[in-house]
Amino acid sequence: MEDKTNDSENFNECYSIFMNEYDKKNDGYKKFKSLIIHKILPYGDRAYTLKKLKKLIINPAQFFLGNNLKGEVGMKKIIKGYLTIILLHETEHFLRLFDENNNVFPLTPRENEGGKLFIKYLLDVCSINHINSTKANDILDIDSWKDREKLKKIFRGQLEDIEEEKEENFDEFFCNYFNDSLSFFINRQKMKVIIINLI
């Protein structure tokens, strides 16, 4: 993507800086792992980029577990898929921290939220509200990322917009509707906290 259009941003230089600094397989990606902090965040915040510290904050408690998800079987893969989506969303924000002089980019206006646009570009949905083992397998399969059409089909047709005020019992709705999934929504009353061991 050599040319920058009027309604897009070009992150080529930022991406190169990021890869040079953090793509270090020989040391087990230690520096990249050190970017991520787990912290319980306010209601509605799954993750954010803390620009002053150049860290990614991930909330390990912003989801519902479906009624059919029992015990630990298959959960690790689903959580890895969930974290991949969250990290993809935050990648766009994190790349804003670097320009060729390692300066901080200005914030994206809320109506033009860059993480959502990035997810739309990659996965062809505006938002992702749940992930099950099948979707997690597809997200974690490197071959999915080599075939743009396959990637865009993973979340196609999912229920994207759910209005909390229209559901009488929101937490019960998610636990039943997405009964074999980890849902990307939470309710303060039934928040489930799982300590996530990244990578």
N, C-alpha and C. Protein backbone atom coordinates (compact mmCIF):
# COMPACT_ATOMS: atom_id res chain seq x y z
N MET A 1 0.84 -1.17 0.00
CA MET A 1 0.00 0.00 0.00
C MET A 1 0.89 1.23 0.00
N GLU A 2 1.38 1.58 -1.14
CA GLU A 2 2.34 2.67 -1.27
C GLU A 2 1.68 4.04 -1.11
N ASP A 3 0.50 4.19 -1.70
CA ASP A 3 -0.15 5.50 -1.72
C ASP A 3 -1.14 5.65 -0.59
N LYS A 4 -1.16 6.83 -0.04
CA LYS A 4 -2.13 7.16 0.99
C LYS A 4 -3.28 7.91 0.34
N THR A 5 -4.50 7.41 0.54
CA THR A 5 -5.66 8.11 -0.01
C THR A 5 -6.15 9.13 1.00
N ASN A 6 -7.08 9.96 0.57
CA ASN A 6 -7.59 11.03 1.43
C ASN A 6 -8.26 10.52 2.70
N ASP A 7 -8.90 9.33 2.62
CA ASP A 7 -9.66 8.85 3.77
C ASP A 7 -8.98 7.66 4.45
N SER A 8 -7.68 7.52 4.31
CA SER A 8 -6.98 6.44 4.99
C SER A 8 -5.64 6.93 5.50
N GLU A 9 -5.02 6.11 6.33
CA GLU A 9 -3.71 6.45 6.85
C GLU A 9 -2.73 5.38 6.42
N ASN A 10 -1.49 5.77 6.21
CA ASN A 10 -0.48 4.83 5.79
C ASN A 10 0.44 4.53 6.97
N PHE A 11 0.42 3.26 7.40
CA PHE A 11 1.19 2.86 8.56
C PHE A 11 2.45 2.08 8.17
N ASN A 12 2.90 2.18 6.91
CA ASN A 12 4.06 1.40 6.47
C ASN A 12 5.28 1.62 7.36
N GLU A 13 5.62 2.89 7.62
CA GLU A 13 6.80 3.18 8.43
C GLU A 13 6.60 2.74 9.87
N CYS A 14 5.42 2.99 10.40
CA CYS A 14 5.11 2.59 11.78
C CYS A 14 5.18 1.07 11.93
N TYR A 15 4.64 0.38 10.94
CA TYR A 15 4.65 -1.09 10.96
C TYR A 15 6.08 -1.61 10.93
N SER A 16 6.93 -1.01 10.11
CA SER A 16 8.33 -1.43 10.01
C SER A 16 9.05 -1.23 11.34
N ILE A 17 8.81 -0.09 11.98
CA ILE A 17 9.42 0.18 13.29
C ILE A 17 8.95 -0.87 14.30
N PHE A 18 7.64 -1.13 14.29
CA PHE A 18 7.07 -2.12 15.22
C PHE A 18 7.70 -3.49 15.00
N MET A 19 7.77 -3.95 13.76
CA MET A 19 8.32 -5.27 13.46
C MET A 19 9.80 -5.37 13.84
N ASN A 20 10.56 -4.33 13.55
CA ASN A 20 11.99 -4.34 13.91
C ASN A 20 12.19 -4.43 15.42
N GLU A 21 11.29 -3.79 16.15
CA GLU A 21 11.44 -3.76 17.60
C GLU A 21 10.89 -5.00 18.30
N TYR A 22 9.79 -5.56 17.79
CA TYR A 22 9.07 -6.58 18.55
C TYR A 22 9.02 -7.97 17.90
N ASP A 23 9.35 -8.10 16.62
CA ASP A 23 9.29 -9.40 15.97
C ASP A 23 10.59 -10.17 16.22
N LYS A 24 10.73 -10.68 17.44
CA LYS A 24 11.97 -11.33 17.87
C LYS A 24 11.67 -12.76 18.32
N LYS A 25 11.56 -13.65 17.37
CA LYS A 25 11.25 -15.06 17.69
C LYS A 25 12.36 -15.71 18.51
N ASN A 26 13.61 -15.30 18.25
CA ASN A 26 14.75 -15.94 18.92
C ASN A 26 14.75 -15.74 20.44
N ASP A 27 14.09 -14.70 20.94
CA ASP A 27 14.02 -14.52 22.40
C ASP A 27 12.62 -14.81 22.93
N GLY A 28 11.83 -15.53 22.12
CA GLY A 28 10.47 -15.91 22.56
C GLY A 28 9.51 -14.74 22.64
N TYR A 29 9.76 -13.69 21.86
CA TYR A 29 8.89 -12.50 21.81
C TYR A 29 8.74 -11.84 23.19
N LYS A 30 9.78 -11.89 24.00
CA LYS A 30 9.70 -11.34 25.36
C LYS A 30 9.32 -9.87 25.37
N LYS A 31 9.94 -9.10 24.48
CA LYS A 31 9.65 -7.65 24.46
C LYS A 31 8.20 -7.38 24.07
N PHE A 32 7.68 -8.17 23.11
CA PHE A 32 6.27 -8.01 22.73
C PHE A 32 5.35 -8.38 23.89
N LYS A 33 5.65 -9.48 24.55
CA LYS A 33 4.82 -9.91 25.69
C LYS A 33 4.82 -8.87 26.80
N SER A 34 5.94 -8.16 26.94
CA SER A 34 6.02 -7.15 28.00
C SER A 34 5.14 -5.93 27.72
N LEU A 35 4.63 -5.82 26.48
CA LEU A 35 3.73 -4.71 26.14
C LEU A 35 2.35 -4.89 26.76
N ILE A 36 1.99 -6.12 27.11
CA ILE A 36 0.62 -6.43 27.48
C ILE A 36 0.45 -6.48 29.00
N ILE A 37 -0.52 -5.74 29.47
CA ILE A 37 -0.85 -5.71 30.90
C ILE A 37 -2.30 -6.19 31.05
N HIS A 38 -2.54 -7.08 32.02
CA HIS A 38 -3.91 -7.50 32.36
C HIS A 38 -4.40 -6.63 33.49
N LYS A 39 -5.57 -6.05 33.31
CA LYS A 39 -6.13 -5.19 34.35
C LYS A 39 -7.64 -5.16 34.21
N ILE A 40 -8.33 -5.31 35.34
CA ILE A 40 -9.79 -5.17 35.33
C ILE A 40 -10.10 -3.71 35.02
N LEU A 41 -10.87 -3.50 33.95
CA LEU A 41 -11.20 -2.16 33.48
C LEU A 41 -12.68 -1.86 33.73
N PRO A 42 -13.08 -0.60 33.60
CA PRO A 42 -14.49 -0.25 33.77
C PRO A 42 -15.39 -0.98 32.77
N TYR A 43 -16.66 -1.08 33.12
CA TYR A 43 -17.67 -1.72 32.28
C TYR A 43 -17.60 -1.18 30.86
N GLY A 44 -17.54 -2.10 29.90
CA GLY A 44 -17.53 -1.73 28.50
C GLY A 44 -16.15 -1.61 27.88
N ASP A 45 -15.09 -1.60 28.70
CA ASP A 45 -13.72 -1.50 28.17
C ASP A 45 -13.07 -2.87 28.15
N ARG A 46 -12.89 -3.42 26.94
CA ARG A 46 -12.22 -4.72 26.83
C ARG A 46 -10.71 -4.56 26.77
N ALA A 47 -10.26 -3.47 26.17
CA ALA A 47 -8.82 -3.23 26.02
C ALA A 47 -8.62 -1.79 25.59
N TYR A 48 -7.42 -1.30 25.82
CA TYR A 48 -7.06 -0.01 25.26
C TYR A 48 -5.54 0.11 25.20
N THR A 49 -5.08 1.10 24.45
CA THR A 49 -3.66 1.38 24.33
C THR A 49 -3.33 2.56 25.23
N LEU A 50 -2.38 2.35 26.12
CA LEU A 50 -1.93 3.40 27.02
C LEU A 50 -0.72 4.06 26.39
N LYS A 51 -0.94 5.22 25.75
CA LYS A 51 0.10 5.79 24.90
C LYS A 51 1.31 6.28 25.67
N LYS A 52 1.13 6.80 26.89
CA LYS A 52 2.27 7.32 27.62
C LYS A 52 3.28 6.23 27.96
N LEU A 53 2.78 5.03 28.26
CA LEU A 53 3.67 3.92 28.60
C LEU A 53 3.95 2.99 27.43
N LYS A 54 3.27 3.23 26.31
CA LYS A 54 3.34 2.33 25.15
C LYS A 54 3.05 0.88 25.57
N LYS A 55 1.87 0.71 26.15
CA LYS A 55 1.43 -0.61 26.62
C LYS A 55 0.02 -0.87 26.11
N LEU A 56 -0.30 -2.16 25.97
CA LEU A 56 -1.66 -2.60 25.64
C LEU A 56 -2.28 -3.15 26.92
N ILE A 57 -3.41 -2.59 27.32
CA ILE A 57 -4.11 -3.04 28.52
C ILE A 57 -5.26 -3.93 28.07
N ILE A 58 -5.31 -5.17 28.58
CA ILE A 58 -6.39 -6.10 28.23
C ILE A 58 -7.15 -6.47 29.49
N ASN A 59 -8.46 -6.34 29.41
CA ASN A 59 -9.34 -6.69 30.52
C ASN A 59 -9.64 -8.18 30.47
N PRO A 60 -9.25 -8.95 31.49
CA PRO A 60 -9.51 -10.40 31.47
C PRO A 60 -10.90 -10.76 31.96
N ALA A 61 -11.82 -9.77 32.03
CA ALA A 61 -13.14 -10.06 32.59
C ALA A 61 -14.29 -9.47 31.81
N GLN A 62 -14.11 -9.19 30.54
CA GLN A 62 -15.17 -8.54 29.76
C GLN A 62 -15.87 -9.52 28.83
N PHE A 63 -16.40 -10.61 29.37
CA PHE A 63 -17.11 -11.53 28.51
C PHE A 63 -18.03 -12.45 29.30
N PHE A 64 -18.98 -13.05 28.58
CA PHE A 64 -19.84 -14.10 29.11
C PHE A 64 -19.35 -15.45 28.62
N LEU A 65 -19.50 -16.45 29.44
CA LEU A 65 -19.27 -17.83 29.00
C LEU A 65 -20.61 -18.47 28.74
N GLY A 66 -20.81 -19.04 27.55
CA GLY A 66 -22.06 -19.70 27.21
C GLY A 66 -22.36 -20.88 28.13
N ASN A 67 -23.63 -21.21 28.26
CA ASN A 67 -24.05 -22.28 29.17
C ASN A 67 -23.46 -23.64 28.84
N ASN A 68 -23.11 -23.89 27.57
CA ASN A 68 -22.58 -25.20 27.19
C ASN A 68 -21.07 -25.31 27.33
N LEU A 69 -20.43 -24.22 27.72
CA LEU A 69 -18.98 -24.28 27.92
C LEU A 69 -18.71 -24.75 29.34
N LYS A 70 -18.38 -26.01 29.47
CA LYS A 70 -18.16 -26.60 30.79
C LYS A 70 -16.67 -26.84 30.98
N GLY A 71 -16.18 -26.50 32.17
CA GLY A 71 -14.80 -26.82 32.52
C GLY A 71 -13.78 -26.17 31.60
N GLU A 72 -12.62 -26.77 31.50
CA GLU A 72 -11.50 -26.20 30.76
C GLU A 72 -11.40 -26.72 29.32
N VAL A 73 -12.16 -27.76 28.96
CA VAL A 73 -12.01 -28.39 27.64
C VAL A 73 -12.30 -27.40 26.52
N GLY A 74 -11.31 -27.19 25.68
CA GLY A 74 -11.48 -26.30 24.53
C GLY A 74 -11.41 -24.82 24.86
N MET A 75 -11.43 -24.47 26.14
CA MET A 75 -11.47 -23.06 26.50
C MET A 75 -10.18 -22.32 26.13
N LYS A 76 -9.05 -23.00 26.27
CA LYS A 76 -7.78 -22.33 26.00
C LYS A 76 -7.73 -21.82 24.56
N LYS A 77 -8.19 -22.65 23.63
CA LYS A 77 -8.17 -22.25 22.21
C LYS A 77 -9.16 -21.11 21.96
N ILE A 78 -10.33 -21.18 22.57
CA ILE A 78 -11.33 -20.11 22.41
C ILE A 78 -10.77 -18.79 22.96
N ILE A 79 -10.13 -18.85 24.12
CA ILE A 79 -9.56 -17.64 24.72
C ILE A 79 -8.43 -17.09 23.84
N LYS A 80 -7.62 -17.97 23.26
CA LYS A 80 -6.57 -17.50 22.34
C LYS A 80 -7.18 -16.81 21.13
N GLY A 81 -8.27 -17.36 20.60
CA GLY A 81 -8.96 -16.72 19.48
C GLY A 81 -9.51 -15.37 19.87
N TYR A 82 -10.11 -15.30 21.05
CA TYR A 82 -10.65 -14.05 21.59
C TYR A 82 -9.53 -13.01 21.71
N LEU A 83 -8.41 -13.41 22.30
CA LEU A 83 -7.29 -12.47 22.48
C LEU A 83 -6.71 -12.02 21.15
N THR A 84 -6.71 -12.90 20.17
CA THR A 84 -6.23 -12.52 18.83
C THR A 84 -7.09 -11.39 18.27
N ILE A 85 -8.41 -11.52 18.41
CA ILE A 85 -9.32 -10.46 17.93
C ILE A 85 -9.07 -9.16 18.67
N ILE A 86 -8.95 -9.24 20.00
CA ILE A 86 -8.72 -8.04 20.80
C ILE A 86 -7.39 -7.38 20.41
N LEU A 87 -6.34 -8.20 20.24
CA LEU A 87 -5.04 -7.64 19.85
C LEU A 87 -5.06 -7.05 18.45
N LEU A 88 -5.82 -7.67 17.54
CA LEU A 88 -5.95 -7.10 16.19
C LEU A 88 -6.58 -5.71 16.27
N HIS A 89 -7.64 -5.61 17.05
CA HIS A 89 -8.33 -4.33 17.20
C HIS A 89 -7.36 -3.27 17.75
N GLU A 90 -6.59 -3.64 18.77
CA GLU A 90 -5.69 -2.69 19.40
C GLU A 90 -4.43 -2.40 18.57
N THR A 91 -4.09 -3.28 17.63
CA THR A 91 -2.90 -3.07 16.80
C THR A 91 -2.96 -1.74 16.08
N GLU A 92 -4.12 -1.43 15.53
CA GLU A 92 -4.25 -0.16 14.79
C GLU A 92 -3.97 1.01 15.72
N HIS A 93 -4.47 0.93 16.95
CA HIS A 93 -4.22 2.01 17.91
C HIS A 93 -2.74 2.07 18.30
N PHE A 94 -2.16 0.89 18.50
CA PHE A 94 -0.77 0.83 18.95
C PHE A 94 0.18 1.37 17.88
N LEU A 95 -0.11 1.08 16.60
CA LEU A 95 0.76 1.57 15.53
C LEU A 95 0.79 3.09 15.47
N ARG A 96 -0.26 3.72 16.00
CA ARG A 96 -0.30 5.18 16.03
C ARG A 96 0.78 5.76 16.94
N LEU A 97 1.33 4.93 17.81
CA LEU A 97 2.34 5.42 18.75
C LEU A 97 3.69 5.68 18.08
N PHE A 98 3.85 5.19 16.85
CA PHE A 98 5.15 5.30 16.19
C PHE A 98 5.04 6.01 14.85
N ASP A 99 5.84 7.00 14.67
CA ASP A 99 6.11 7.47 13.32
C ASP A 99 7.62 7.36 13.13
N GLU A 100 8.14 7.87 12.04
CA GLU A 100 9.57 7.68 11.79
C GLU A 100 10.45 8.30 12.87
N ASN A 101 9.91 9.26 13.64
CA ASN A 101 10.67 9.89 14.72
C ASN A 101 10.25 9.35 16.09
N ASN A 102 9.49 8.27 16.09
CA ASN A 102 8.99 7.64 17.32
C ASN A 102 8.10 8.60 18.12
N ASN A 103 7.37 9.44 17.41
CA ASN A 103 6.43 10.36 18.05
C ASN A 103 5.07 9.69 18.17
N VAL A 104 4.19 10.30 18.93
CA VAL A 104 2.84 9.76 19.11
C VAL A 104 1.90 10.41 18.10
N PHE A 105 1.15 9.57 17.37
CA PHE A 105 0.14 10.07 16.44
C PHE A 105 -1.02 10.66 17.22
N PRO A 106 -1.77 11.58 16.64
CA PRO A 106 -2.99 12.06 17.31
C PRO A 106 -4.03 10.95 17.38
N LEU A 107 -4.96 11.11 18.27
CA LEU A 107 -6.03 10.12 18.43
C LEU A 107 -6.96 10.11 17.22
N THR A 108 -7.58 8.95 16.99
CA THR A 108 -8.59 8.85 15.93
C THR A 108 -9.91 9.36 16.48
N PRO A 109 -10.66 10.16 15.71
CA PRO A 109 -11.99 10.58 16.17
C PRO A 109 -12.89 9.37 16.41
N ARG A 110 -13.74 9.41 17.44
CA ARG A 110 -14.59 8.29 17.81
C ARG A 110 -15.44 7.79 16.63
N GLU A 111 -15.94 8.72 15.81
CA GLU A 111 -16.80 8.30 14.70
C GLU A 111 -16.02 7.58 13.61
N ASN A 112 -14.70 7.67 13.66
CA ASN A 112 -13.83 7.04 12.67
C ASN A 112 -12.90 6.05 13.35
N GLU A 113 -13.39 5.35 14.35
CA GLU A 113 -12.58 4.51 15.22
C GLU A 113 -11.76 3.51 14.42
N GLY A 114 -10.43 3.66 14.50
CA GLY A 114 -9.53 2.91 13.64
C GLY A 114 -9.54 1.42 13.85
N GLY A 115 -9.65 0.96 15.12
CA GLY A 115 -9.68 -0.48 15.39
C GLY A 115 -10.86 -1.16 14.72
N LYS A 116 -12.02 -0.51 14.78
CA LYS A 116 -13.22 -1.07 14.13
C LYS A 116 -13.05 -1.12 12.62
N LEU A 117 -12.48 -0.06 12.06
CA LEU A 117 -12.25 -0.03 10.62
C LEU A 117 -11.28 -1.14 10.20
N PHE A 118 -10.27 -1.39 11.04
CA PHE A 118 -9.29 -2.44 10.76
C PHE A 118 -9.95 -3.81 10.79
N ILE A 119 -10.80 -4.05 11.80
CA ILE A 119 -11.53 -5.32 11.89
C ILE A 119 -12.46 -5.48 10.69
N LYS A 120 -13.13 -4.40 10.30
CA LYS A 120 -14.01 -4.44 9.12
C LYS A 120 -13.21 -4.80 7.87
N TYR A 121 -12.05 -4.18 7.72
CA TYR A 121 -11.19 -4.45 6.57
C TYR A 121 -10.74 -5.92 6.54
N LEU A 122 -10.30 -6.43 7.69
CA LEU A 122 -9.78 -7.80 7.76
C LEU A 122 -10.86 -8.87 7.69
N LEU A 123 -11.92 -8.68 8.51
CA LEU A 123 -12.89 -9.76 8.74
C LEU A 123 -14.27 -9.48 8.18
N ASP A 124 -14.46 -8.31 7.58
CA ASP A 124 -15.70 -7.96 6.90
C ASP A 124 -16.92 -7.86 7.81
N VAL A 125 -16.70 -7.59 9.10
CA VAL A 125 -17.80 -7.28 10.02
C VAL A 125 -17.39 -6.05 10.82
N CYS A 126 -18.37 -5.26 11.21
CA CYS A 126 -18.07 -4.03 11.96
C CYS A 126 -17.68 -4.33 13.40
N SER A 127 -18.26 -5.37 13.95
CA SER A 127 -17.91 -5.75 15.31
C SER A 127 -18.09 -7.25 15.47
N ILE A 128 -17.38 -7.81 16.41
CA ILE A 128 -17.45 -9.25 16.67
C ILE A 128 -17.98 -9.40 18.08
N ASN A 129 -19.04 -10.19 18.23
CA ASN A 129 -19.62 -10.30 19.56
C ASN A 129 -19.46 -11.65 20.22
N HIS A 130 -18.99 -12.67 19.50
CA HIS A 130 -18.75 -13.96 20.15
C HIS A 130 -17.79 -14.80 19.32
N ILE A 131 -17.17 -15.76 20.01
CA ILE A 131 -16.27 -16.68 19.32
C ILE A 131 -16.43 -18.07 19.94
N ASN A 132 -16.60 -19.06 19.08
CA ASN A 132 -16.69 -20.45 19.55
C ASN A 132 -15.45 -21.20 19.09
N SER A 133 -15.39 -22.51 19.35
CA SER A 133 -14.18 -23.26 19.02
C SER A 133 -13.93 -23.31 17.51
N THR A 134 -14.99 -23.38 16.70
CA THR A 134 -14.82 -23.42 15.24
C THR A 134 -14.21 -22.12 14.74
N LYS A 135 -14.76 -21.00 15.19
CA LYS A 135 -14.23 -19.69 14.78
C LYS A 135 -12.81 -19.48 15.31
N ALA A 136 -12.56 -19.92 16.53
CA ALA A 136 -11.22 -19.81 17.11
C ALA A 136 -10.21 -20.62 16.29
N ASN A 137 -10.59 -21.84 15.91
CA ASN A 137 -9.71 -22.66 15.09
C ASN A 137 -9.37 -21.95 13.78
N ASP A 138 -10.41 -21.35 13.16
CA ASP A 138 -10.19 -20.65 11.89
C ASP A 138 -9.28 -19.43 12.07
N ILE A 139 -9.50 -18.67 13.14
CA ILE A 139 -8.68 -17.48 13.40
C ILE A 139 -7.23 -17.87 13.68
N LEU A 140 -7.04 -18.97 14.38
CA LEU A 140 -5.69 -19.40 14.77
C LEU A 140 -4.98 -20.21 13.68
N ASP A 141 -5.70 -20.54 12.60
CA ASP A 141 -5.12 -21.30 11.49
C ASP A 141 -4.41 -20.33 10.54
N ILE A 142 -3.11 -20.48 10.40
CA ILE A 142 -2.32 -19.58 9.57
C ILE A 142 -2.80 -19.56 8.12
N ASP A 143 -3.36 -20.67 7.65
CA ASP A 143 -3.86 -20.72 6.27
C ASP A 143 -5.05 -19.79 6.04
N SER A 144 -5.82 -19.54 7.09
CA SER A 144 -6.94 -18.59 6.96
C SER A 144 -6.44 -17.21 6.58
N TRP A 145 -5.26 -16.86 7.07
CA TRP A 145 -4.71 -15.53 6.83
C TRP A 145 -4.07 -15.40 5.46
N LYS A 146 -3.94 -16.51 4.76
CA LYS A 146 -3.38 -16.49 3.41
C LYS A 146 -4.47 -16.37 2.35
N ASP A 147 -5.73 -16.53 2.77
CA ASP A 147 -6.86 -16.51 1.85
C ASP A 147 -7.87 -15.47 2.34
N ARG A 148 -7.86 -14.30 1.72
CA ARG A 148 -8.70 -13.19 2.18
C ARG A 148 -10.18 -13.56 2.23
N GLU A 149 -10.67 -14.30 1.24
CA GLU A 149 -12.09 -14.68 1.23
C GLU A 149 -12.43 -15.63 2.39
N LYS A 150 -11.53 -16.54 2.67
CA LYS A 150 -11.74 -17.46 3.80
C LYS A 150 -11.78 -16.68 5.11
N LEU A 151 -10.89 -15.73 5.25
CA LEU A 151 -10.83 -14.90 6.44
C LEU A 151 -12.11 -14.10 6.64
N LYS A 152 -12.63 -13.55 5.54
CA LYS A 152 -13.84 -12.73 5.62
C LYS A 152 -15.09 -13.55 5.92
N LYS A 153 -15.03 -14.87 5.73
CA LYS A 153 -16.21 -15.71 5.99
C LYS A 153 -16.32 -16.16 7.45
N ILE A 154 -15.26 -16.03 8.22
CA ILE A 154 -15.25 -16.58 9.57
C ILE A 154 -16.40 -16.04 10.42
N PHE A 155 -16.63 -14.74 10.39
CA PHE A 155 -17.66 -14.14 11.24
C PHE A 155 -18.87 -13.65 10.45
N ARG A 156 -18.91 -13.97 9.17
CA ARG A 156 -20.02 -13.51 8.34
C ARG A 156 -21.36 -14.04 8.86
N GLY A 157 -22.35 -13.17 8.89
CA GLY A 157 -23.70 -13.57 9.27
C GLY A 157 -23.94 -13.61 10.77
N GLN A 158 -22.96 -13.23 11.56
CA GLN A 158 -23.18 -13.25 13.00
C GLN A 158 -24.09 -12.10 13.41
N LEU A 159 -24.70 -12.24 14.56
CA LEU A 159 -25.55 -11.18 15.10
C LEU A 159 -24.63 -10.06 15.58
N GLU A 160 -24.59 -8.95 14.83
CA GLU A 160 -23.60 -7.90 15.13
C GLU A 160 -24.09 -6.89 16.15
N ASP A 161 -25.34 -6.48 16.05
CA ASP A 161 -25.83 -5.41 16.91
C ASP A 161 -26.91 -5.94 17.85
N ILE A 162 -26.65 -5.81 19.13
CA ILE A 162 -27.62 -6.23 20.14
C ILE A 162 -27.80 -5.06 21.08
N GLU A 163 -29.03 -4.63 21.26
CA GLU A 163 -29.29 -3.49 22.12
C GLU A 163 -29.67 -4.00 23.50
N GLU A 164 -28.81 -3.68 24.46
CA GLU A 164 -28.98 -4.18 25.82
C GLU A 164 -30.34 -3.82 26.39
N GLU A 165 -30.79 -2.60 26.12
CA GLU A 165 -32.06 -2.17 26.72
C GLU A 165 -33.28 -2.93 26.17
N LYS A 166 -33.12 -3.60 25.00
CA LYS A 166 -34.24 -4.35 24.42
C LYS A 166 -34.33 -5.77 24.96
N GLU A 167 -33.30 -6.22 25.68
CA GLU A 167 -33.30 -7.55 26.26
C GLU A 167 -33.63 -7.44 27.74
N GLU A 168 -34.69 -8.17 28.16
CA GLU A 168 -35.10 -8.10 29.56
C GLU A 168 -34.01 -8.60 30.49
N ASN A 169 -33.43 -9.74 30.16
CA ASN A 169 -32.38 -10.32 30.99
C ASN A 169 -31.16 -10.53 30.10
N PHE A 170 -30.36 -9.48 30.01
CA PHE A 170 -29.26 -9.43 29.05
C PHE A 170 -28.25 -10.56 29.28
N ASP A 171 -27.86 -10.79 30.53
CA ASP A 171 -26.86 -11.82 30.80
C ASP A 171 -27.38 -13.21 30.45
N GLU A 172 -28.64 -13.47 30.76
CA GLU A 172 -29.23 -14.77 30.43
C GLU A 172 -29.34 -14.95 28.91
N PHE A 173 -29.69 -13.87 28.22
CA PHE A 173 -29.77 -13.91 26.76
C PHE A 173 -28.45 -14.37 26.16
N PHE A 174 -27.33 -13.77 26.60
CA PHE A 174 -26.03 -14.14 26.04
C PHE A 174 -25.61 -15.55 26.39
N CYS A 175 -25.84 -15.94 27.64
CA CYS A 175 -25.45 -17.29 28.06
C CYS A 175 -26.23 -18.36 27.29
N ASN A 176 -27.46 -18.05 26.90
CA ASN A 176 -28.29 -19.00 26.15
C ASN A 176 -28.09 -18.87 24.64
N TYR A 177 -28.08 -17.64 24.13
CA TYR A 177 -28.00 -17.42 22.69
C TYR A 177 -26.65 -17.86 22.15
N PHE A 178 -25.59 -17.53 22.86
CA PHE A 178 -24.23 -17.94 22.47
C PHE A 178 -23.77 -19.04 23.42
N ASN A 179 -24.54 -20.12 23.48
CA ASN A 179 -24.31 -21.13 24.52
C ASN A 179 -23.02 -21.92 24.37
N ASP A 180 -22.42 -21.92 23.17
CA ASP A 180 -21.15 -22.64 23.00
C ASP A 180 -20.00 -21.67 22.71
N SER A 181 -20.20 -20.40 23.11
CA SER A 181 -19.23 -19.35 22.76
C SER A 181 -18.79 -18.56 23.97
N LEU A 182 -17.69 -17.88 23.77
CA LEU A 182 -17.27 -16.82 24.66
C LEU A 182 -17.80 -15.55 24.02
N SER A 183 -18.68 -14.85 24.72
CA SER A 183 -19.29 -13.66 24.17
C SER A 183 -18.49 -12.43 24.57
N PHE A 184 -18.41 -11.45 23.67
CA PHE A 184 -17.62 -10.26 23.90
C PHE A 184 -18.39 -9.20 24.68
N PHE A 185 -19.39 -9.59 25.41
CA PHE A 185 -20.17 -8.66 26.21
C PHE A 185 -20.07 -9.05 27.67
N ILE A 186 -20.38 -8.11 28.55
CA ILE A 186 -20.37 -8.43 29.97
C ILE A 186 -21.57 -7.81 30.65
N ASN A 187 -21.83 -8.26 31.84
CA ASN A 187 -22.81 -7.66 32.72
C ASN A 187 -22.15 -7.60 34.09
N ARG A 188 -22.24 -6.50 34.78
CA ARG A 188 -21.54 -6.36 36.05
C ARG A 188 -21.96 -7.42 37.07
N GLN A 189 -23.22 -7.84 37.00
CA GLN A 189 -23.72 -8.79 37.99
C GLN A 189 -23.11 -10.18 37.84
N LYS A 190 -22.86 -10.62 36.60
CA LYS A 190 -22.40 -11.98 36.37
C LYS A 190 -21.06 -12.00 35.65
N MET A 191 -20.20 -11.08 35.99
CA MET A 191 -18.90 -11.03 35.35
C MET A 191 -18.09 -12.27 35.74
N LYS A 192 -17.51 -12.92 34.76
CA LYS A 192 -16.68 -14.09 35.03
C LYS A 192 -15.24 -13.69 34.82
N VAL A 193 -14.42 -13.89 35.81
CA VAL A 193 -13.02 -13.51 35.71
C VAL A 193 -12.20 -14.78 35.48
N ILE A 194 -11.45 -14.79 34.39
CA ILE A 194 -10.55 -15.90 34.10
C ILE A 194 -9.17 -15.30 33.94
N ILE A 195 -8.21 -15.83 34.68
CA ILE A 195 -6.85 -15.33 34.53
C ILE A 195 -6.30 -15.92 33.24
N ILE A 196 -5.92 -15.03 32.32
CA ILE A 196 -5.48 -15.44 31.01
C ILE A 196 -3.96 -15.47 30.97
N ASN A 197 -3.41 -16.59 30.57
CA ASN A 197 -1.97 -16.70 30.40
C ASN A 197 -1.69 -16.53 28.91
N LEU A 198 -1.20 -15.35 28.55
CA LEU A 198 -0.99 -15.04 27.14
C LEU A 198 0.15 -15.84 26.55
N ILE A 199 -0.05 -16.30 25.33
CA ILE A 199 0.92 -16.95 24.46
C ILE A 199 1.63 -18.11 25.11
